[in-house]
Amino acid sequence: MTKDTILSLRDDRRGVAIIEFALWASVIFVVLLVSADFAMFSLYKARLGRAVSAASLAGFNSREAPDTDQIARYVTAMADIPGITPEVTVTCNGNTVCDAGLAQCGCISLSDGSFSAAHSCGTSCPSGALSGKFLTISARATYRHVVMPNPWLEGRVMTATTTVRL
């Protein structure tokens, strides 16, 4: 190569636009990948909430003797989160026994959702709510990144809880 050829290559600006485009496209692609992970997290969290809500309706419909195992399976199936199985807890008035004859009436605290025993169903509780039999469904799932390692989302816990009066 001659000295003139090297100088002409140094001063040549014909490929600058394509190089800039390639660099910017790479940056935008990485940002979109991270955004996709955030969108998947939001979608899965909404699915978990929807599953718990639907299971509470199923529990209410079988209020005479709700099947806690069936309700837990319903939440797991309805959540439909690929590769993640939610941990589901179903309780009646804070107890795992939901048989209509065994579950006693309770008062629910409006501040923290805890239960205390009540003398009879339908009486007024200290919180102002009426005593009764309450079904609580809680689901918990730990998110794993899908697209790329993401320090903001890896290991985040998605939770959904609902309480329905039977």
N, C-alpha and C. Protein backbone atom coordinates (compact mmCIF):
# COMPACT_ATOMS: atom_id res chain seq x y z
N MET A 1 0.83 -1.18 0.00
CA MET A 1 0.00 0.00 0.00
C MET A 1 0.88 1.24 0.00
N THR A 2 0.43 2.18 -0.72
CA THR A 2 1.18 3.42 -0.80
C THR A 2 0.71 4.36 0.28
N LYS A 3 1.47 5.38 0.47
CA LYS A 3 1.14 6.38 1.49
C LYS A 3 -0.16 7.09 1.16
N ASP A 4 -0.43 7.31 -0.11
CA ASP A 4 -1.67 7.98 -0.52
C ASP A 4 -2.89 7.11 -0.22
N THR A 5 -2.77 5.80 -0.40
CA THR A 5 -3.89 4.89 -0.11
C THR A 5 -4.22 4.90 1.38
N ILE A 6 -3.22 4.85 2.22
CA ILE A 6 -3.44 4.86 3.68
C ILE A 6 -4.08 6.17 4.10
N LEU A 7 -3.63 7.28 3.58
CA LEU A 7 -4.22 8.58 3.92
C LEU A 7 -5.66 8.68 3.43
N SER A 8 -5.94 8.11 2.26
CA SER A 8 -7.31 8.18 1.75
C SER A 8 -8.25 7.30 2.59
N LEU A 9 -7.77 6.16 3.09
CA LEU A 9 -8.60 5.32 3.96
C LEU A 9 -8.87 6.02 5.30
N ARG A 10 -7.87 6.71 5.82
CA ARG A 10 -8.02 7.41 7.09
C ARG A 10 -9.06 8.52 7.00
N ASP A 11 -9.11 9.19 5.89
CA ASP A 11 -10.03 10.31 5.72
C ASP A 11 -11.39 9.89 5.15
N ASP A 12 -11.56 8.61 4.82
CA ASP A 12 -12.81 8.14 4.21
C ASP A 12 -13.92 8.07 5.27
N ARG A 13 -15.12 8.59 4.96
CA ARG A 13 -16.26 8.63 5.90
C ARG A 13 -17.46 7.84 5.37
N ARG A 14 -17.27 7.02 4.36
CA ARG A 14 -18.40 6.35 3.72
C ARG A 14 -19.05 5.28 4.61
N GLY A 15 -18.36 4.61 5.52
CA GLY A 15 -18.94 3.53 6.33
C GLY A 15 -19.36 3.95 7.72
N VAL A 16 -19.27 5.24 8.03
CA VAL A 16 -19.55 5.70 9.38
C VAL A 16 -21.01 5.47 9.76
N ALA A 17 -21.93 5.73 8.89
CA ALA A 17 -23.35 5.61 9.21
C ALA A 17 -23.73 4.16 9.54
N ILE A 18 -23.21 3.21 8.81
CA ILE A 18 -23.57 1.81 9.07
C ILE A 18 -22.98 1.34 10.39
N ILE A 19 -21.80 1.80 10.73
CA ILE A 19 -21.18 1.44 12.02
C ILE A 19 -21.99 2.04 13.17
N GLU A 20 -22.37 3.30 13.05
CA GLU A 20 -23.19 3.92 14.10
C GLU A 20 -24.52 3.20 14.24
N PHE A 21 -25.12 2.84 13.12
CA PHE A 21 -26.39 2.11 13.17
C PHE A 21 -26.22 0.77 13.89
N ALA A 22 -25.17 0.05 13.60
CA ALA A 22 -24.93 -1.25 14.23
C ALA A 22 -24.74 -1.10 15.74
N LEU A 23 -24.01 -0.08 16.16
CA LEU A 23 -23.80 0.14 17.59
C LEU A 23 -25.10 0.50 18.30
N TRP A 24 -25.86 1.42 17.72
CA TRP A 24 -27.13 1.82 18.34
C TRP A 24 -28.14 0.67 18.34
N ALA A 25 -28.17 -0.11 17.29
CA ALA A 25 -29.10 -1.25 17.23
C ALA A 25 -28.77 -2.27 18.32
N SER A 26 -27.50 -2.49 18.58
CA SER A 26 -27.10 -3.42 19.65
C SER A 26 -27.54 -2.91 21.01
N VAL A 27 -27.37 -1.63 21.27
CA VAL A 27 -27.78 -1.05 22.55
C VAL A 27 -29.30 -1.16 22.72
N ILE A 28 -30.03 -0.83 21.68
CA ILE A 28 -31.50 -0.89 21.75
C ILE A 28 -31.96 -2.33 21.95
N PHE A 29 -31.31 -3.29 21.32
CA PHE A 29 -31.68 -4.69 21.47
C PHE A 29 -31.49 -5.16 22.91
N VAL A 30 -30.39 -4.79 23.54
CA VAL A 30 -30.14 -5.17 24.94
C VAL A 30 -31.18 -4.54 25.86
N VAL A 31 -31.53 -3.29 25.63
CA VAL A 31 -32.56 -2.63 26.44
C VAL A 31 -33.90 -3.34 26.27
N LEU A 32 -34.23 -3.75 25.07
CA LEU A 32 -35.48 -4.47 24.82
C LEU A 32 -35.50 -5.83 25.51
N LEU A 33 -34.36 -6.50 25.56
CA LEU A 33 -34.29 -7.79 26.26
C LEU A 33 -34.58 -7.62 27.75
N VAL A 34 -33.98 -6.62 28.37
CA VAL A 34 -34.22 -6.37 29.79
C VAL A 34 -35.69 -5.98 30.00
N SER A 35 -36.24 -5.18 29.10
CA SER A 35 -37.65 -4.79 29.20
C SER A 35 -38.56 -6.01 29.07
N ALA A 36 -38.19 -6.95 28.23
CA ALA A 36 -38.99 -8.17 28.08
C ALA A 36 -39.02 -8.97 29.38
N ASP A 37 -37.90 -9.00 30.10
CA ASP A 37 -37.88 -9.70 31.38
C ASP A 37 -38.80 -9.03 32.39
N PHE A 38 -38.79 -7.70 32.43
CA PHE A 38 -39.70 -6.98 33.34
C PHE A 38 -41.16 -7.25 32.95
N ALA A 39 -41.43 -7.29 31.66
CA ALA A 39 -42.80 -7.56 31.20
C ALA A 39 -43.23 -8.98 31.58
N MET A 40 -42.33 -9.95 31.46
CA MET A 40 -42.66 -11.33 31.85
C MET A 40 -42.94 -11.41 33.35
N PHE A 41 -42.15 -10.69 34.16
CA PHE A 41 -42.38 -10.68 35.61
C PHE A 41 -43.77 -10.13 35.91
N SER A 42 -44.13 -9.03 35.28
CA SER A 42 -45.45 -8.43 35.51
C SER A 42 -46.56 -9.36 35.05
N LEU A 43 -46.38 -10.00 33.92
CA LEU A 43 -47.37 -10.94 33.40
C LEU A 43 -47.56 -12.12 34.34
N TYR A 44 -46.47 -12.70 34.82
CA TYR A 44 -46.56 -13.85 35.71
C TYR A 44 -47.18 -13.47 37.05
N LYS A 45 -46.87 -12.29 37.54
CA LYS A 45 -47.46 -11.84 38.80
C LYS A 45 -48.97 -11.65 38.63
N ALA A 46 -49.39 -11.11 37.50
CA ALA A 46 -50.82 -10.95 37.23
C ALA A 46 -51.51 -12.31 37.09
N ARG A 47 -50.84 -13.27 36.46
CA ARG A 47 -51.41 -14.61 36.33
C ARG A 47 -51.61 -15.25 37.71
N LEU A 48 -50.64 -15.06 38.59
CA LEU A 48 -50.74 -15.61 39.94
C LEU A 48 -51.92 -14.99 40.68
N GLY A 49 -52.08 -13.68 40.57
CA GLY A 49 -53.21 -13.01 41.21
C GLY A 49 -54.54 -13.46 40.64
N ARG A 50 -54.60 -13.64 39.33
CA ARG A 50 -55.82 -14.12 38.68
C ARG A 50 -56.17 -15.52 39.15
N ALA A 51 -55.16 -16.38 39.30
CA ALA A 51 -55.40 -17.75 39.73
C ALA A 51 -55.93 -17.80 41.16
N VAL A 52 -55.37 -16.98 42.04
CA VAL A 52 -55.84 -16.95 43.43
C VAL A 52 -57.26 -16.41 43.49
N SER A 53 -57.55 -15.40 42.70
CA SER A 53 -58.90 -14.84 42.67
C SER A 53 -59.92 -15.86 42.17
N ALA A 54 -59.58 -16.58 41.11
CA ALA A 54 -60.49 -17.59 40.57
C ALA A 54 -60.68 -18.74 41.57
N ALA A 55 -59.62 -19.12 42.26
CA ALA A 55 -59.72 -20.20 43.25
C ALA A 55 -60.59 -19.78 44.43
N SER A 56 -60.58 -18.49 44.76
CA SER A 56 -61.44 -18.03 45.86
C SER A 56 -62.91 -18.17 45.49
N LEU A 57 -63.23 -17.95 44.23
CA LEU A 57 -64.61 -18.17 43.77
C LEU A 57 -64.98 -19.65 43.83
N ALA A 58 -64.05 -20.51 43.46
CA ALA A 58 -64.30 -21.95 43.54
C ALA A 58 -64.49 -22.37 45.00
N GLY A 59 -63.69 -21.80 45.89
CA GLY A 59 -63.84 -22.09 47.32
C GLY A 59 -65.17 -21.60 47.86
N PHE A 60 -65.59 -20.44 47.41
CA PHE A 60 -66.87 -19.90 47.86
C PHE A 60 -68.02 -20.78 47.36
N ASN A 61 -67.91 -21.26 46.14
CA ASN A 61 -68.97 -22.12 45.58
C ASN A 61 -69.08 -23.44 46.32
N SER A 62 -67.97 -23.91 46.92
CA SER A 62 -68.01 -25.16 47.69
C SER A 62 -67.87 -24.86 49.18
N ARG A 63 -68.53 -23.81 49.64
CA ARG A 63 -68.35 -23.30 51.00
C ARG A 63 -68.76 -24.26 52.10
N GLU A 64 -69.60 -25.25 51.79
CA GLU A 64 -70.01 -26.21 52.82
C GLU A 64 -68.83 -27.04 53.28
N ALA A 65 -67.99 -27.45 52.37
CA ALA A 65 -66.79 -28.24 52.70
C ALA A 65 -65.75 -28.03 51.62
N PRO A 66 -65.04 -26.89 51.64
CA PRO A 66 -64.04 -26.63 50.60
C PRO A 66 -62.88 -27.63 50.66
N ASP A 67 -62.50 -28.14 49.52
CA ASP A 67 -61.39 -29.09 49.41
C ASP A 67 -60.10 -28.29 49.22
N THR A 68 -59.30 -28.20 50.29
CA THR A 68 -58.09 -27.37 50.24
C THR A 68 -57.08 -27.88 49.22
N ASP A 69 -56.96 -29.20 49.09
CA ASP A 69 -56.02 -29.75 48.11
C ASP A 69 -56.45 -29.42 46.69
N GLN A 70 -57.72 -29.52 46.42
CA GLN A 70 -58.24 -29.21 45.08
C GLN A 70 -58.06 -27.72 44.77
N ILE A 71 -58.29 -26.87 45.76
CA ILE A 71 -58.11 -25.43 45.55
C ILE A 71 -56.65 -25.12 45.26
N ALA A 72 -55.73 -25.76 45.98
CA ALA A 72 -54.30 -25.54 45.74
C ALA A 72 -53.90 -26.01 44.34
N ARG A 73 -54.41 -27.15 43.92
CA ARG A 73 -54.13 -27.64 42.56
C ARG A 73 -54.71 -26.69 41.51
N TYR A 74 -55.87 -26.14 41.81
CA TYR A 74 -56.52 -25.20 40.89
C TYR A 74 -55.66 -23.96 40.70
N VAL A 75 -55.12 -23.43 41.80
CA VAL A 75 -54.26 -22.24 41.71
C VAL A 75 -53.02 -22.56 40.87
N THR A 76 -52.40 -23.70 41.13
CA THR A 76 -51.19 -24.08 40.39
C THR A 76 -51.47 -24.21 38.90
N ALA A 77 -52.58 -24.86 38.56
CA ALA A 77 -52.91 -25.05 37.14
C ALA A 77 -53.30 -23.74 36.48
N MET A 78 -54.05 -22.91 37.18
CA MET A 78 -54.55 -21.66 36.61
C MET A 78 -53.44 -20.62 36.45
N ALA A 79 -52.43 -20.66 37.32
CA ALA A 79 -51.34 -19.67 37.24
C ALA A 79 -50.58 -19.81 35.93
N ASP A 80 -50.33 -21.04 35.49
CA ASP A 80 -49.71 -21.31 34.20
C ASP A 80 -48.43 -20.50 34.00
N ILE A 81 -47.50 -20.64 34.96
CA ILE A 81 -46.21 -19.96 34.87
C ILE A 81 -45.18 -21.01 34.45
N PRO A 82 -44.63 -20.91 33.25
CA PRO A 82 -43.71 -21.94 32.76
C PRO A 82 -42.48 -22.09 33.65
N GLY A 83 -42.21 -23.32 34.07
CA GLY A 83 -41.01 -23.62 34.84
C GLY A 83 -41.08 -23.22 36.30
N ILE A 84 -42.18 -22.65 36.75
CA ILE A 84 -42.30 -22.22 38.15
C ILE A 84 -43.60 -22.79 38.71
N THR A 85 -43.50 -23.52 39.81
CA THR A 85 -44.68 -24.04 40.49
C THR A 85 -44.89 -23.23 41.76
N PRO A 86 -46.01 -22.53 41.86
CA PRO A 86 -46.24 -21.72 43.06
C PRO A 86 -46.50 -22.58 44.30
N GLU A 87 -46.07 -22.06 45.45
CA GLU A 87 -46.40 -22.69 46.73
C GLU A 87 -47.74 -22.10 47.16
N VAL A 88 -48.73 -22.96 47.37
CA VAL A 88 -50.08 -22.50 47.68
C VAL A 88 -50.45 -22.97 49.09
N THR A 89 -51.00 -22.04 49.88
CA THR A 89 -51.48 -22.34 51.21
C THR A 89 -52.96 -21.98 51.27
N VAL A 90 -53.78 -22.91 51.72
CA VAL A 90 -55.22 -22.67 51.86
C VAL A 90 -55.59 -22.92 53.32
N THR A 91 -56.18 -21.91 53.96
CA THR A 91 -56.58 -22.04 55.36
C THR A 91 -58.00 -21.54 55.56
N CYS A 92 -58.63 -22.05 56.60
CA CYS A 92 -59.95 -21.58 57.02
C CYS A 92 -59.80 -21.02 58.43
N ASN A 93 -60.05 -19.73 58.59
CA ASN A 93 -59.89 -19.04 59.87
C ASN A 93 -58.49 -19.26 60.46
N GLY A 94 -57.50 -19.34 59.61
CA GLY A 94 -56.13 -19.51 60.06
C GLY A 94 -55.73 -20.95 60.28
N ASN A 95 -56.64 -21.92 60.14
CA ASN A 95 -56.36 -23.34 60.33
C ASN A 95 -56.39 -24.05 58.98
N THR A 96 -55.68 -25.17 58.91
CA THR A 96 -55.69 -25.93 57.66
C THR A 96 -56.94 -26.79 57.52
N VAL A 97 -57.74 -26.91 58.59
CA VAL A 97 -58.98 -27.69 58.55
C VAL A 97 -60.09 -26.82 58.00
N CYS A 98 -60.71 -27.24 56.91
CA CYS A 98 -61.79 -26.46 56.30
C CYS A 98 -63.10 -27.21 56.27
N ASP A 99 -63.20 -28.33 56.97
CA ASP A 99 -64.46 -29.07 57.01
C ASP A 99 -65.52 -28.21 57.68
N ALA A 100 -66.69 -28.16 57.11
CA ALA A 100 -67.75 -27.27 57.60
C ALA A 100 -68.09 -27.53 59.06
N GLY A 101 -68.08 -28.79 59.49
CA GLY A 101 -68.42 -29.09 60.87
C GLY A 101 -67.31 -28.79 61.85
N LEU A 102 -66.06 -28.81 61.39
CA LEU A 102 -64.93 -28.63 62.30
C LEU A 102 -64.45 -27.19 62.37
N ALA A 103 -64.60 -26.45 61.31
CA ALA A 103 -64.11 -25.07 61.30
C ALA A 103 -65.03 -24.20 62.16
N GLN A 104 -64.44 -23.54 63.13
CA GLN A 104 -65.25 -22.68 63.99
C GLN A 104 -65.30 -21.27 63.42
N CYS A 105 -66.25 -20.50 63.91
CA CYS A 105 -66.37 -19.13 63.45
C CYS A 105 -65.24 -18.30 64.03
N GLY A 106 -64.82 -17.31 63.29
CA GLY A 106 -63.73 -16.47 63.73
C GLY A 106 -63.94 -15.02 63.34
N CYS A 107 -63.15 -14.18 63.98
CA CYS A 107 -63.14 -12.75 63.66
C CYS A 107 -61.84 -12.46 62.92
N ILE A 108 -61.94 -11.69 61.89
CA ILE A 108 -60.75 -11.32 61.12
C ILE A 108 -60.35 -9.90 61.50
N SER A 109 -59.06 -9.71 61.68
CA SER A 109 -58.54 -8.38 61.97
C SER A 109 -58.39 -7.64 60.65
N LEU A 110 -58.93 -6.45 60.58
CA LEU A 110 -58.85 -5.69 59.33
C LEU A 110 -57.45 -5.12 59.09
N SER A 111 -56.65 -5.00 60.15
CA SER A 111 -55.33 -4.40 59.98
C SER A 111 -54.29 -5.39 59.46
N ASP A 112 -54.26 -6.61 60.01
CA ASP A 112 -53.22 -7.54 59.59
C ASP A 112 -53.74 -8.88 59.07
N GLY A 113 -55.06 -9.06 59.03
CA GLY A 113 -55.63 -10.28 58.47
C GLY A 113 -55.57 -11.49 59.39
N SER A 114 -55.20 -11.30 60.65
CA SER A 114 -55.14 -12.43 61.58
C SER A 114 -56.54 -12.79 62.06
N PHE A 115 -56.66 -13.99 62.63
CA PHE A 115 -57.95 -14.49 63.08
C PHE A 115 -57.95 -14.71 64.58
N SER A 116 -59.12 -14.53 65.18
CA SER A 116 -59.34 -14.90 66.58
C SER A 116 -60.68 -15.61 66.66
N ALA A 117 -60.82 -16.47 67.67
CA ALA A 117 -62.05 -17.26 67.81
C ALA A 117 -63.22 -16.36 68.16
N ALA A 118 -64.40 -16.73 67.65
CA ALA A 118 -65.64 -16.01 67.96
C ALA A 118 -66.61 -17.00 68.61
N HIS A 119 -67.50 -16.48 69.44
CA HIS A 119 -68.45 -17.35 70.14
C HIS A 119 -69.48 -17.93 69.18
N SER A 120 -69.92 -17.15 68.23
CA SER A 120 -70.89 -17.64 67.26
C SER A 120 -70.75 -16.85 65.96
N CYS A 121 -71.27 -17.41 64.90
CA CYS A 121 -71.19 -16.74 63.60
C CYS A 121 -72.21 -15.61 63.53
N GLY A 122 -71.83 -14.53 62.86
CA GLY A 122 -72.73 -13.41 62.64
C GLY A 122 -72.69 -12.36 63.72
N THR A 123 -71.90 -12.57 64.78
CA THR A 123 -71.80 -11.55 65.82
C THR A 123 -70.77 -10.52 65.42
N SER A 124 -70.83 -9.38 66.05
CA SER A 124 -69.91 -8.29 65.73
C SER A 124 -68.55 -8.55 66.38
N CYS A 125 -67.50 -8.30 65.62
CA CYS A 125 -66.13 -8.49 66.11
C CYS A 125 -65.58 -7.15 66.58
N PRO A 126 -64.48 -7.16 67.35
CA PRO A 126 -63.87 -5.90 67.80
C PRO A 126 -63.46 -4.99 66.64
N SER A 127 -63.14 -5.57 65.49
CA SER A 127 -62.73 -4.76 64.34
C SER A 127 -63.93 -4.13 63.63
N GLY A 128 -65.14 -4.55 64.00
CA GLY A 128 -66.33 -4.03 63.35
C GLY A 128 -66.88 -4.96 62.29
N ALA A 129 -66.10 -5.96 61.88
CA ALA A 129 -66.56 -6.94 60.90
C ALA A 129 -67.44 -7.97 61.59
N LEU A 130 -68.18 -8.73 60.81
CA LEU A 130 -69.00 -9.80 61.36
C LEU A 130 -68.19 -11.08 61.41
N SER A 131 -68.39 -11.86 62.48
CA SER A 131 -67.68 -13.13 62.58
C SER A 131 -68.25 -14.11 61.57
N GLY A 132 -67.44 -15.06 61.19
CA GLY A 132 -67.87 -16.05 60.20
C GLY A 132 -66.74 -17.01 59.91
N LYS A 133 -66.89 -17.76 58.84
CA LYS A 133 -65.86 -18.69 58.40
C LYS A 133 -65.19 -18.07 57.18
N PHE A 134 -63.89 -17.92 57.25
CA PHE A 134 -63.14 -17.24 56.20
C PHE A 134 -62.15 -18.20 55.56
N LEU A 135 -62.09 -18.19 54.25
CA LEU A 135 -61.15 -19.00 53.48
C LEU A 135 -60.06 -18.07 52.96
N THR A 136 -58.82 -18.38 53.29
CA THR A 136 -57.69 -17.58 52.83
C THR A 136 -56.83 -18.42 51.90
N ILE A 137 -56.53 -17.88 50.74
CA ILE A 137 -55.68 -18.55 49.77
C ILE A 137 -54.47 -17.66 49.53
N SER A 138 -53.28 -18.23 49.75
CA SER A 138 -52.03 -17.50 49.52
C SER A 138 -51.18 -18.30 48.55
N ALA A 139 -50.62 -17.61 47.58
CA ALA A 139 -49.72 -18.25 46.62
C ALA A 139 -48.43 -17.45 46.57
N ARG A 140 -47.34 -18.17 46.43
CA ARG A 140 -46.01 -17.56 46.42
C ARG A 140 -45.17 -18.27 45.37
N ALA A 141 -44.49 -17.50 44.54
CA ALA A 141 -43.62 -18.08 43.52
C ALA A 141 -42.39 -17.21 43.37
N THR A 142 -41.24 -17.84 43.20
CA THR A 142 -39.99 -17.11 43.03
C THR A 142 -39.68 -17.00 41.53
N TYR A 143 -39.48 -15.78 41.07
CA TYR A 143 -39.24 -15.53 39.64
C TYR A 143 -37.80 -15.87 39.27
N ARG A 144 -37.65 -16.52 38.14
CA ARG A 144 -36.33 -16.77 37.56
C ARG A 144 -36.26 -16.05 36.22
N HIS A 145 -35.13 -15.42 35.97
CA HIS A 145 -35.01 -14.66 34.72
C HIS A 145 -35.22 -15.59 33.53
N VAL A 146 -35.76 -15.02 32.48
CA VAL A 146 -36.09 -15.80 31.30
C VAL A 146 -35.14 -15.47 30.16
N VAL A 147 -34.93 -14.20 29.92
CA VAL A 147 -34.19 -13.78 28.74
C VAL A 147 -32.70 -13.70 29.00
N MET A 148 -32.32 -13.03 30.05
CA MET A 148 -30.91 -12.84 30.34
C MET A 148 -30.73 -12.62 31.83
N PRO A 149 -29.55 -12.84 32.37
CA PRO A 149 -29.34 -12.58 33.80
C PRO A 149 -29.72 -11.15 34.14
N ASN A 150 -30.53 -11.02 35.16
CA ASN A 150 -31.07 -9.71 35.50
C ASN A 150 -30.98 -9.51 37.01
N PRO A 151 -30.08 -8.67 37.49
CA PRO A 151 -29.92 -8.52 38.94
C PRO A 151 -31.12 -7.88 39.63
N TRP A 152 -31.99 -7.21 38.88
CA TRP A 152 -33.14 -6.55 39.51
C TRP A 152 -34.30 -7.51 39.73
N LEU A 153 -34.40 -8.55 38.92
CA LEU A 153 -35.55 -9.45 39.01
C LEU A 153 -35.22 -10.84 39.53
N GLU A 154 -34.00 -11.29 39.42
CA GLU A 154 -33.65 -12.65 39.82
C GLU A 154 -33.97 -12.88 41.29
N GLY A 155 -34.77 -13.90 41.56
CA GLY A 155 -35.11 -14.25 42.94
C GLY A 155 -36.23 -13.43 43.55
N ARG A 156 -36.84 -12.52 42.78
CA ARG A 156 -37.96 -11.73 43.32
C ARG A 156 -39.13 -12.66 43.59
N VAL A 157 -39.83 -12.41 44.68
CA VAL A 157 -40.96 -13.26 45.06
C VAL A 157 -42.26 -12.60 44.61
N MET A 158 -43.07 -13.38 43.91
CA MET A 158 -44.39 -12.92 43.50
C MET A 158 -45.39 -13.53 44.48
N THR A 159 -46.25 -12.70 45.07
CA THR A 159 -47.23 -13.21 46.02
C THR A 159 -48.62 -12.72 45.66
N ALA A 160 -49.60 -13.52 46.02
CA ALA A 160 -51.00 -13.14 45.86
C ALA A 160 -51.77 -13.80 47.00
N THR A 161 -52.61 -13.03 47.66
CA THR A 161 -53.40 -13.53 48.78
C THR A 161 -54.80 -12.95 48.69
N THR A 162 -55.77 -13.77 49.01
CA THR A 162 -57.14 -13.30 49.09
C THR A 162 -57.86 -14.04 50.21
N THR A 163 -58.82 -13.36 50.80
CA THR A 163 -59.65 -13.95 51.85
C THR A 163 -61.10 -13.74 51.45
N VAL A 164 -61.88 -14.82 51.54
CA VAL A 164 -63.29 -14.75 51.19
C VAL A 164 -64.10 -15.33 52.35
N ARG A 165 -65.21 -14.68 52.64
CA ARG A 165 -66.08 -15.17 53.71
C ARG A 165 -66.99 -16.25 53.13
N LEU A 166 -67.00 -17.40 53.79
CA LEU A 166 -67.81 -18.53 53.31
C LEU A 166 -69.23 -18.45 53.83
